[in-house]
N, C-alpha and C. Protein backbone atom coordinates (compact mmCIF):
# COMPACT_ATOMS: atom_id res chain seq x y z
N MET A 1 4.52 -24.35 -8.92
CA MET A 1 4.62 -23.24 -7.99
C MET A 1 5.49 -23.68 -6.82
N PHE A 2 6.10 -22.73 -6.16
CA PHE A 2 6.94 -23.03 -5.02
C PHE A 2 6.13 -23.01 -3.74
N ARG A 3 6.53 -23.79 -2.80
CA ARG A 3 5.90 -23.85 -1.50
C ARG A 3 6.46 -22.73 -0.64
N LEU A 4 5.63 -22.01 0.08
CA LEU A 4 6.09 -20.96 0.99
C LEU A 4 6.71 -21.58 2.22
N SER A 5 7.72 -20.92 2.80
CA SER A 5 8.25 -21.38 4.07
C SER A 5 7.18 -21.19 5.13
N ALA A 6 7.32 -21.84 6.26
CA ALA A 6 6.32 -21.73 7.32
C ALA A 6 6.15 -20.29 7.77
N SER A 7 7.25 -19.56 7.92
CA SER A 7 7.15 -18.16 8.37
C SER A 7 6.50 -17.29 7.31
N ALA A 8 6.80 -17.53 6.03
CA ALA A 8 6.17 -16.75 4.95
C ALA A 8 4.69 -17.08 4.88
N ALA A 9 4.33 -18.34 5.07
CA ALA A 9 2.92 -18.74 5.05
C ALA A 9 2.17 -18.08 6.19
N LEU A 10 2.76 -18.07 7.38
CA LEU A 10 2.10 -17.40 8.51
C LEU A 10 1.90 -15.92 8.24
N PHE A 11 2.90 -15.28 7.65
CA PHE A 11 2.79 -13.87 7.31
C PHE A 11 1.67 -13.63 6.30
N ALA A 12 1.61 -14.48 5.27
CA ALA A 12 0.55 -14.34 4.26
C ALA A 12 -0.82 -14.55 4.86
N VAL A 13 -0.95 -15.53 5.77
CA VAL A 13 -2.24 -15.77 6.43
C VAL A 13 -2.62 -14.55 7.27
N ALA A 14 -1.67 -13.99 8.00
CA ALA A 14 -1.97 -12.82 8.82
C ALA A 14 -2.40 -11.64 7.96
N LEU A 15 -1.72 -11.44 6.85
CA LEU A 15 -2.11 -10.35 5.96
C LEU A 15 -3.50 -10.56 5.40
N ALA A 16 -3.78 -11.76 4.91
CA ALA A 16 -5.09 -12.04 4.33
C ALA A 16 -6.19 -11.92 5.37
N ALA A 17 -5.94 -12.40 6.57
CA ALA A 17 -6.95 -12.36 7.62
C ALA A 17 -7.29 -10.93 8.01
N ASN A 18 -6.36 -10.03 7.82
CA ASN A 18 -6.61 -8.62 8.18
C ASN A 18 -6.94 -7.78 6.97
N CYS A 19 -7.14 -8.42 5.82
CA CYS A 19 -7.45 -7.71 4.57
C CYS A 19 -6.41 -6.65 4.27
N ALA A 20 -5.17 -6.90 4.63
CA ALA A 20 -4.11 -5.92 4.44
C ALA A 20 -3.19 -6.30 3.30
N VAL A 21 -3.57 -7.31 2.52
CA VAL A 21 -2.73 -7.71 1.40
C VAL A 21 -2.62 -6.53 0.45
N SER A 22 -1.42 -6.05 0.25
CA SER A 22 -1.25 -4.90 -0.62
C SER A 22 0.15 -4.89 -1.21
N ALA A 23 0.28 -4.11 -2.26
CA ALA A 23 1.57 -3.90 -2.90
C ALA A 23 1.58 -2.46 -3.40
N GLN A 24 2.73 -1.80 -3.32
CA GLN A 24 2.83 -0.47 -3.86
C GLN A 24 4.13 -0.36 -4.63
N GLN A 25 4.00 -0.02 -5.91
CA GLN A 25 5.14 0.18 -6.79
C GLN A 25 4.78 1.27 -7.77
N ASN A 26 5.75 2.08 -8.11
CA ASN A 26 5.59 3.08 -9.18
C ASN A 26 4.34 3.95 -9.01
N ASP A 27 4.06 4.38 -7.78
CA ASP A 27 2.91 5.24 -7.45
C ASP A 27 1.56 4.53 -7.58
N ILE A 28 1.56 3.23 -7.72
CA ILE A 28 0.32 2.44 -7.80
C ILE A 28 0.27 1.55 -6.57
N ARG A 29 -0.88 1.59 -5.88
CA ARG A 29 -1.09 0.74 -4.71
C ARG A 29 -2.21 -0.26 -5.04
N ILE A 30 -1.94 -1.54 -4.77
CA ILE A 30 -2.91 -2.60 -4.98
C ILE A 30 -3.28 -3.14 -3.61
N ASP A 31 -4.58 -3.15 -3.29
CA ASP A 31 -5.06 -3.64 -2.00
C ASP A 31 -6.13 -4.70 -2.21
N HIS A 32 -6.29 -5.53 -1.20
CA HIS A 32 -7.40 -6.49 -1.11
C HIS A 32 -7.55 -7.37 -2.35
N ALA A 33 -6.43 -7.85 -2.88
CA ALA A 33 -6.47 -8.72 -4.05
C ALA A 33 -6.88 -10.13 -3.62
N TRP A 34 -7.93 -10.64 -4.26
CA TRP A 34 -8.41 -11.98 -3.93
C TRP A 34 -9.01 -12.65 -5.15
N SER A 35 -9.11 -13.95 -5.06
CA SER A 35 -9.66 -14.77 -6.13
C SER A 35 -10.60 -15.79 -5.50
N ARG A 36 -11.21 -16.59 -6.34
CA ARG A 36 -12.04 -17.69 -5.86
C ARG A 36 -11.40 -19.01 -6.28
N ALA A 37 -11.64 -20.04 -5.50
CA ALA A 37 -11.17 -21.37 -5.86
C ALA A 37 -11.77 -21.74 -7.22
N ALA A 38 -10.96 -22.43 -8.05
CA ALA A 38 -11.41 -22.83 -9.39
C ALA A 38 -10.59 -24.04 -9.84
N MET A 39 -11.16 -24.83 -10.73
CA MET A 39 -10.51 -26.04 -11.21
C MET A 39 -9.53 -25.73 -12.35
N ALA A 40 -8.49 -26.55 -12.44
CA ALA A 40 -7.54 -26.43 -13.54
C ALA A 40 -8.27 -26.56 -14.87
N GLY A 41 -7.81 -25.81 -15.87
CA GLY A 41 -8.42 -25.85 -17.20
C GLY A 41 -9.62 -24.94 -17.33
N ARG A 42 -10.12 -24.45 -16.23
CA ARG A 42 -11.29 -23.58 -16.24
C ARG A 42 -10.85 -22.12 -16.19
N THR A 43 -11.80 -21.25 -15.94
CA THR A 43 -11.53 -19.82 -15.84
C THR A 43 -11.60 -19.39 -14.39
N GLY A 44 -10.64 -18.56 -13.98
CA GLY A 44 -10.63 -18.01 -12.63
C GLY A 44 -10.90 -16.51 -12.71
N VAL A 45 -11.01 -15.89 -11.55
CA VAL A 45 -11.30 -14.47 -11.49
C VAL A 45 -10.49 -13.84 -10.35
N VAL A 46 -10.10 -12.59 -10.53
CA VAL A 46 -9.39 -11.85 -9.49
C VAL A 46 -10.07 -10.50 -9.31
N TYR A 47 -10.23 -10.11 -8.05
CA TYR A 47 -10.77 -8.81 -7.69
C TYR A 47 -9.71 -8.09 -6.85
N LEU A 48 -9.70 -6.78 -6.91
CA LEU A 48 -8.73 -5.99 -6.15
C LEU A 48 -9.10 -4.51 -6.20
N THR A 49 -8.36 -3.71 -5.45
CA THR A 49 -8.55 -2.26 -5.47
C THR A 49 -7.24 -1.61 -5.89
N ILE A 50 -7.32 -0.68 -6.83
CA ILE A 50 -6.15 0.05 -7.34
C ILE A 50 -6.27 1.51 -6.90
N THR A 51 -5.20 2.04 -6.32
CA THR A 51 -5.14 3.46 -5.99
C THR A 51 -3.86 4.03 -6.59
N ASP A 52 -4.01 5.10 -7.34
CA ASP A 52 -2.88 5.79 -7.96
C ASP A 52 -2.49 6.95 -7.06
N THR A 53 -1.27 6.93 -6.52
CA THR A 53 -0.81 8.01 -5.64
C THR A 53 0.04 9.03 -6.39
N GLY A 54 0.26 8.79 -7.67
CA GLY A 54 1.06 9.71 -8.49
C GLY A 54 0.16 10.47 -9.44
N ARG A 55 0.38 10.28 -10.72
CA ARG A 55 -0.43 10.95 -11.75
C ARG A 55 -1.48 9.98 -12.29
N ALA A 56 -2.50 10.50 -12.92
CA ALA A 56 -3.54 9.65 -13.51
C ALA A 56 -2.90 8.65 -14.46
N ASP A 57 -3.46 7.46 -14.51
CA ASP A 57 -2.88 6.39 -15.31
C ASP A 57 -4.01 5.51 -15.85
N ARG A 58 -3.61 4.46 -16.57
CA ARG A 58 -4.59 3.50 -17.08
C ARG A 58 -4.02 2.09 -16.95
N LEU A 59 -4.83 1.16 -16.46
CA LEU A 59 -4.46 -0.25 -16.45
C LEU A 59 -4.68 -0.76 -17.87
N VAL A 60 -3.60 -1.24 -18.50
CA VAL A 60 -3.68 -1.65 -19.91
C VAL A 60 -3.41 -3.13 -20.14
N GLY A 61 -3.00 -3.85 -19.08
CA GLY A 61 -2.74 -5.27 -19.25
C GLY A 61 -2.60 -5.99 -17.93
N VAL A 62 -2.84 -7.30 -17.95
CA VAL A 62 -2.68 -8.14 -16.77
C VAL A 62 -2.12 -9.49 -17.21
N SER A 63 -1.38 -10.13 -16.31
CA SER A 63 -0.87 -11.46 -16.59
C SER A 63 -0.67 -12.20 -15.28
N SER A 64 -0.65 -13.53 -15.38
CA SER A 64 -0.38 -14.38 -14.23
C SER A 64 0.18 -15.71 -14.74
N PRO A 65 1.20 -16.24 -14.07
CA PRO A 65 1.75 -17.52 -14.51
C PRO A 65 0.81 -18.70 -14.28
N VAL A 66 -0.29 -18.52 -13.56
CA VAL A 66 -1.21 -19.63 -13.29
C VAL A 66 -2.23 -19.83 -14.40
N ALA A 67 -2.25 -18.93 -15.40
CA ALA A 67 -3.23 -19.02 -16.48
C ALA A 67 -2.56 -18.80 -17.83
N GLU A 68 -3.15 -19.38 -18.88
CA GLU A 68 -2.61 -19.16 -20.22
C GLU A 68 -2.66 -17.69 -20.59
N LYS A 69 -3.72 -17.00 -20.16
CA LYS A 69 -3.78 -15.56 -20.36
C LYS A 69 -4.70 -14.96 -19.30
N ALA A 70 -4.52 -13.67 -19.09
CA ALA A 70 -5.36 -12.93 -18.16
C ALA A 70 -5.92 -11.73 -18.93
N GLU A 71 -7.17 -11.42 -18.66
CA GLU A 71 -7.85 -10.34 -19.38
C GLU A 71 -8.62 -9.46 -18.41
N LEU A 72 -8.71 -8.20 -18.75
CA LEU A 72 -9.52 -7.25 -17.99
C LEU A 72 -10.93 -7.31 -18.58
N HIS A 73 -11.92 -7.55 -17.72
CA HIS A 73 -13.31 -7.67 -18.17
C HIS A 73 -14.22 -6.76 -17.35
N GLU A 74 -15.41 -6.57 -17.89
CA GLU A 74 -16.45 -5.80 -17.21
C GLU A 74 -17.76 -6.58 -17.30
N SER A 75 -18.45 -6.73 -16.17
CA SER A 75 -19.80 -7.30 -16.15
C SER A 75 -20.77 -6.13 -16.20
N PHE A 76 -21.89 -6.32 -16.91
CA PHE A 76 -22.88 -5.26 -17.01
C PHE A 76 -24.25 -5.87 -17.28
N SER A 77 -25.28 -5.11 -17.01
CA SER A 77 -26.65 -5.57 -17.25
C SER A 77 -27.14 -4.96 -18.56
N ASP A 78 -27.68 -5.81 -19.42
CA ASP A 78 -28.24 -5.37 -20.70
C ASP A 78 -29.70 -5.82 -20.72
N ASN A 79 -30.60 -4.88 -20.46
CA ASN A 79 -32.04 -5.20 -20.39
C ASN A 79 -32.31 -6.33 -19.40
N GLY A 80 -31.66 -6.27 -18.24
CA GLY A 80 -31.89 -7.25 -17.18
C GLY A 80 -31.11 -8.53 -17.32
N VAL A 81 -30.29 -8.65 -18.36
CA VAL A 81 -29.47 -9.85 -18.58
C VAL A 81 -28.01 -9.49 -18.30
N MET A 82 -27.38 -10.22 -17.36
CA MET A 82 -25.98 -9.95 -17.06
C MET A 82 -25.10 -10.47 -18.19
N LYS A 83 -24.18 -9.61 -18.63
CA LYS A 83 -23.25 -9.95 -19.71
C LYS A 83 -21.84 -9.54 -19.29
N MET A 84 -20.88 -9.97 -20.08
CA MET A 84 -19.49 -9.64 -19.80
C MET A 84 -18.79 -9.32 -21.11
N ARG A 85 -17.84 -8.37 -21.04
CA ARG A 85 -17.07 -8.02 -22.24
C ARG A 85 -15.64 -7.65 -21.84
N ASP A 86 -14.73 -7.82 -22.81
CA ASP A 86 -13.34 -7.41 -22.62
C ASP A 86 -13.28 -5.89 -22.50
N VAL A 87 -12.30 -5.42 -21.74
CA VAL A 87 -12.05 -3.99 -21.61
C VAL A 87 -10.58 -3.77 -21.99
N ALA A 88 -10.32 -2.88 -22.92
CA ALA A 88 -8.95 -2.64 -23.38
C ALA A 88 -8.10 -1.95 -22.32
N ALA A 89 -8.70 -1.03 -21.57
CA ALA A 89 -7.97 -0.27 -20.55
C ALA A 89 -8.96 0.22 -19.50
N LEU A 90 -8.43 0.46 -18.30
CA LEU A 90 -9.25 0.95 -17.20
C LEU A 90 -8.59 2.20 -16.63
N PRO A 91 -9.25 3.38 -16.73
CA PRO A 91 -8.66 4.60 -16.19
C PRO A 91 -8.55 4.54 -14.66
N VAL A 92 -7.45 5.08 -14.14
CA VAL A 92 -7.23 5.16 -12.70
C VAL A 92 -6.82 6.59 -12.40
N ALA A 93 -7.75 7.36 -11.80
CA ALA A 93 -7.48 8.76 -11.47
C ALA A 93 -6.65 8.86 -10.19
N LYS A 94 -5.83 9.87 -10.10
CA LYS A 94 -4.99 10.06 -8.92
C LYS A 94 -5.86 10.19 -7.67
N GLY A 95 -5.54 9.37 -6.66
CA GLY A 95 -6.19 9.46 -5.36
C GLY A 95 -7.62 8.93 -5.29
N GLN A 96 -8.13 8.37 -6.38
CA GLN A 96 -9.50 7.84 -6.39
C GLN A 96 -9.45 6.33 -6.62
N PRO A 97 -9.60 5.53 -5.55
CA PRO A 97 -9.51 4.08 -5.69
C PRO A 97 -10.50 3.53 -6.72
N VAL A 98 -10.03 2.55 -7.48
CA VAL A 98 -10.86 1.84 -8.46
C VAL A 98 -10.97 0.41 -7.97
N SER A 99 -12.19 -0.04 -7.72
CA SER A 99 -12.40 -1.40 -7.23
C SER A 99 -12.83 -2.33 -8.35
N LEU A 100 -12.11 -3.42 -8.49
CA LEU A 100 -12.52 -4.51 -9.36
C LEU A 100 -13.23 -5.48 -8.44
N SER A 101 -14.54 -5.66 -8.64
CA SER A 101 -15.35 -6.42 -7.69
C SER A 101 -16.42 -7.23 -8.40
N PRO A 102 -16.99 -8.22 -7.71
CA PRO A 102 -18.05 -9.02 -8.33
C PRO A 102 -19.15 -8.13 -8.89
N GLY A 103 -19.58 -8.43 -10.12
CA GLY A 103 -20.63 -7.66 -10.77
C GLY A 103 -20.14 -6.44 -11.51
N GLY A 104 -18.83 -6.20 -11.51
CA GLY A 104 -18.25 -5.03 -12.19
C GLY A 104 -16.99 -5.43 -12.94
N HIS A 105 -15.99 -4.56 -12.89
CA HIS A 105 -14.70 -4.88 -13.52
C HIS A 105 -14.03 -6.00 -12.74
N HIS A 106 -13.26 -6.84 -13.44
CA HIS A 106 -12.53 -7.93 -12.81
C HIS A 106 -11.46 -8.43 -13.78
N ILE A 107 -10.58 -9.26 -13.26
CA ILE A 107 -9.54 -9.88 -14.07
C ILE A 107 -9.94 -11.34 -14.27
N MET A 108 -10.03 -11.76 -15.53
CA MET A 108 -10.33 -13.15 -15.85
C MET A 108 -9.01 -13.88 -16.08
N LEU A 109 -8.85 -15.01 -15.41
CA LEU A 109 -7.70 -15.88 -15.61
C LEU A 109 -8.19 -17.01 -16.52
N VAL A 110 -7.79 -16.96 -17.79
CA VAL A 110 -8.31 -17.85 -18.81
C VAL A 110 -7.47 -19.11 -18.91
N HIS A 111 -8.13 -20.25 -18.89
CA HIS A 111 -7.54 -21.59 -18.95
C HIS A 111 -6.44 -21.73 -17.89
N LEU A 112 -6.90 -21.95 -16.67
CA LEU A 112 -5.98 -22.12 -15.54
C LEU A 112 -5.06 -23.31 -15.76
N LYS A 113 -3.77 -23.12 -15.51
CA LYS A 113 -2.78 -24.17 -15.66
C LYS A 113 -2.80 -25.14 -14.48
N GLN A 114 -3.42 -24.71 -13.40
CA GLN A 114 -3.52 -25.51 -12.18
C GLN A 114 -4.78 -25.09 -11.44
N ALA A 115 -5.21 -25.93 -10.53
CA ALA A 115 -6.37 -25.57 -9.71
C ALA A 115 -5.98 -24.44 -8.77
N LEU A 116 -6.91 -23.55 -8.51
CA LEU A 116 -6.74 -22.53 -7.48
C LEU A 116 -7.48 -23.03 -6.26
N LYS A 117 -6.74 -23.35 -5.22
CA LYS A 117 -7.32 -23.91 -4.01
C LYS A 117 -7.40 -22.82 -2.95
N GLU A 118 -8.43 -22.94 -2.12
CA GLU A 118 -8.60 -22.00 -1.01
C GLU A 118 -7.28 -21.90 -0.24
N GLY A 119 -6.80 -20.67 -0.06
CA GLY A 119 -5.54 -20.44 0.64
C GLY A 119 -4.34 -20.26 -0.27
N ASP A 120 -4.46 -20.63 -1.56
CA ASP A 120 -3.36 -20.41 -2.49
C ASP A 120 -3.06 -18.91 -2.62
N VAL A 121 -1.86 -18.62 -3.04
CA VAL A 121 -1.45 -17.25 -3.34
C VAL A 121 -1.17 -17.20 -4.84
N VAL A 122 -1.88 -16.32 -5.55
CA VAL A 122 -1.78 -16.21 -7.01
C VAL A 122 -0.95 -14.97 -7.37
N PRO A 123 0.20 -15.14 -8.04
CA PRO A 123 0.98 -13.99 -8.48
C PRO A 123 0.33 -13.32 -9.70
N LEU A 124 0.37 -12.00 -9.71
CA LEU A 124 -0.20 -11.21 -10.80
C LEU A 124 0.75 -10.09 -11.17
N THR A 125 0.73 -9.71 -12.44
CA THR A 125 1.42 -8.50 -12.89
C THR A 125 0.39 -7.64 -13.59
N LEU A 126 0.21 -6.43 -13.09
CA LEU A 126 -0.69 -5.45 -13.70
C LEU A 126 0.20 -4.46 -14.44
N THR A 127 -0.14 -4.17 -15.69
CA THR A 127 0.66 -3.24 -16.49
C THR A 127 -0.13 -1.96 -16.70
N PHE A 128 0.51 -0.86 -16.32
CA PHE A 128 -0.10 0.46 -16.44
C PHE A 128 0.60 1.24 -17.54
N GLU A 129 -0.15 2.11 -18.20
CA GLU A 129 0.36 2.90 -19.31
C GLU A 129 1.58 3.73 -18.90
N LYS A 130 1.53 4.38 -17.75
CA LYS A 130 2.63 5.25 -17.30
C LYS A 130 3.50 4.58 -16.24
N ALA A 131 2.90 3.91 -15.28
CA ALA A 131 3.64 3.33 -14.15
C ALA A 131 4.35 2.04 -14.51
N GLY A 132 3.97 1.41 -15.63
CA GLY A 132 4.60 0.16 -16.02
C GLY A 132 4.06 -1.02 -15.24
N ALA A 133 4.90 -2.04 -15.05
CA ALA A 133 4.49 -3.28 -14.41
C ALA A 133 4.47 -3.15 -12.89
N VAL A 134 3.39 -3.63 -12.29
CA VAL A 134 3.24 -3.67 -10.84
C VAL A 134 2.89 -5.10 -10.46
N SER A 135 3.73 -5.71 -9.61
CA SER A 135 3.51 -7.09 -9.19
C SER A 135 2.77 -7.13 -7.87
N THR A 136 1.87 -8.10 -7.75
CA THR A 136 1.13 -8.30 -6.50
C THR A 136 0.73 -9.76 -6.42
N THR A 137 0.06 -10.13 -5.36
CA THR A 137 -0.49 -11.47 -5.21
C THR A 137 -1.93 -11.36 -4.73
N ALA A 138 -2.71 -12.38 -5.09
CA ALA A 138 -4.09 -12.46 -4.64
C ALA A 138 -4.26 -13.73 -3.82
N ILE A 139 -4.98 -13.64 -2.72
CA ILE A 139 -5.27 -14.81 -1.89
C ILE A 139 -6.54 -15.47 -2.43
N VAL A 140 -6.56 -16.79 -2.47
CA VAL A 140 -7.71 -17.52 -3.00
C VAL A 140 -8.68 -17.84 -1.86
N ALA A 141 -9.91 -17.39 -2.02
CA ALA A 141 -10.99 -17.69 -1.08
C ALA A 141 -11.72 -18.95 -1.57
N LYS A 142 -12.69 -19.41 -0.81
CA LYS A 142 -13.43 -20.60 -1.22
C LYS A 142 -14.24 -20.33 -2.49
N ALA A 143 -14.61 -21.39 -3.17
CA ALA A 143 -15.42 -21.27 -4.39
C ALA A 143 -16.73 -20.57 -4.05
N GLY A 144 -17.14 -19.63 -4.90
CA GLY A 144 -18.39 -18.92 -4.69
C GLY A 144 -18.33 -17.80 -3.68
N ALA A 145 -17.15 -17.53 -3.11
CA ALA A 145 -17.04 -16.45 -2.11
C ALA A 145 -17.46 -15.12 -2.71
N ALA A 146 -18.10 -14.30 -1.90
CA ALA A 146 -18.55 -12.98 -2.34
C ALA A 146 -17.52 -11.91 -2.01
N ALA A 147 -16.55 -12.23 -1.14
CA ALA A 147 -15.55 -11.25 -0.73
C ALA A 147 -14.31 -11.96 -0.23
N MET A 148 -13.24 -11.20 -0.10
CA MET A 148 -11.98 -11.69 0.43
C MET A 148 -12.19 -12.12 1.88
N PRO A 149 -11.45 -13.13 2.37
CA PRO A 149 -11.56 -13.49 3.79
C PRO A 149 -11.36 -12.26 4.66
N THR A 150 -12.16 -12.14 5.72
CA THR A 150 -12.14 -10.95 6.55
C THR A 150 -11.34 -11.14 7.82
N ALA A 151 -11.07 -10.02 8.51
CA ALA A 151 -10.33 -10.05 9.77
C ALA A 151 -10.99 -11.01 10.74
N GLY A 152 -10.16 -11.77 11.44
CA GLY A 152 -10.68 -12.69 12.43
C GLY A 152 -11.09 -14.03 11.84
N HIS A 153 -10.87 -14.23 10.55
CA HIS A 153 -11.24 -15.48 9.92
C HIS A 153 -10.03 -16.16 9.28
N ALA A 154 -8.94 -16.21 10.01
CA ALA A 154 -7.73 -16.84 9.47
C ALA A 154 -7.97 -18.31 9.14
N GLU A 155 -8.95 -18.92 9.80
CA GLU A 155 -9.24 -20.32 9.50
C GLU A 155 -9.75 -20.49 8.08
N ASP A 156 -10.18 -19.40 7.43
CA ASP A 156 -10.62 -19.45 6.05
C ASP A 156 -9.44 -19.63 5.08
N VAL A 157 -8.21 -19.49 5.59
CA VAL A 157 -7.04 -19.57 4.75
C VAL A 157 -6.10 -20.64 5.32
N PRO A 158 -6.34 -21.93 5.01
CA PRO A 158 -5.54 -22.99 5.61
C PRO A 158 -4.09 -22.93 5.15
N MET A 159 -3.16 -23.04 6.13
CA MET A 159 -1.74 -22.95 5.81
C MET A 159 -1.25 -24.09 4.94
N ASP A 160 -1.84 -25.26 5.03
CA ASP A 160 -1.33 -26.37 4.24
C ASP A 160 -1.61 -26.20 2.75
N HIS A 161 -2.39 -25.18 2.37
CA HIS A 161 -2.67 -24.93 0.97
C HIS A 161 -1.91 -23.73 0.43
N MET A 162 -1.14 -23.04 1.29
CA MET A 162 -0.43 -21.84 0.85
C MET A 162 0.64 -22.22 -0.15
N ARG A 163 0.63 -21.53 -1.28
CA ARG A 163 1.64 -21.76 -2.33
C ARG A 163 2.08 -20.41 -2.85
N HIS A 164 3.28 -20.38 -3.40
CA HIS A 164 3.76 -19.15 -4.05
C HIS A 164 4.33 -19.48 -5.39
């Protein structure tokens, strides 16, 4: 991965600290993309919010250069036991945000090619049936984090770990 310049790193930290990390392409807006720290060779996870500002669409694929493959998954309770399964596609209705969050839908990064360290920036490509490919990045929070770093907590995203 490439190292961010100091000014780009400061910008990324400011965005993450204000929970304003977002991307908008092809009528699809991606907000609050974040991941958790994870070891190389293991599985990582990404959470985010998708808003379709155009016509209804479906998320049909995901990829990231930091993992051998990325998959759309869903966590669910089956008679009180939490389970997980692959999801082929995720509908995204116009104007109705869809949140991928802990305990629900999420993106699994399978067999990480490198460790995801707190403060890293993870590139992602989400593929939609109609809108096509949408690129974004996710900020890596500490291991076990329940949410993306919040406003006023820029110290949660150390600049010396920022990568692109």
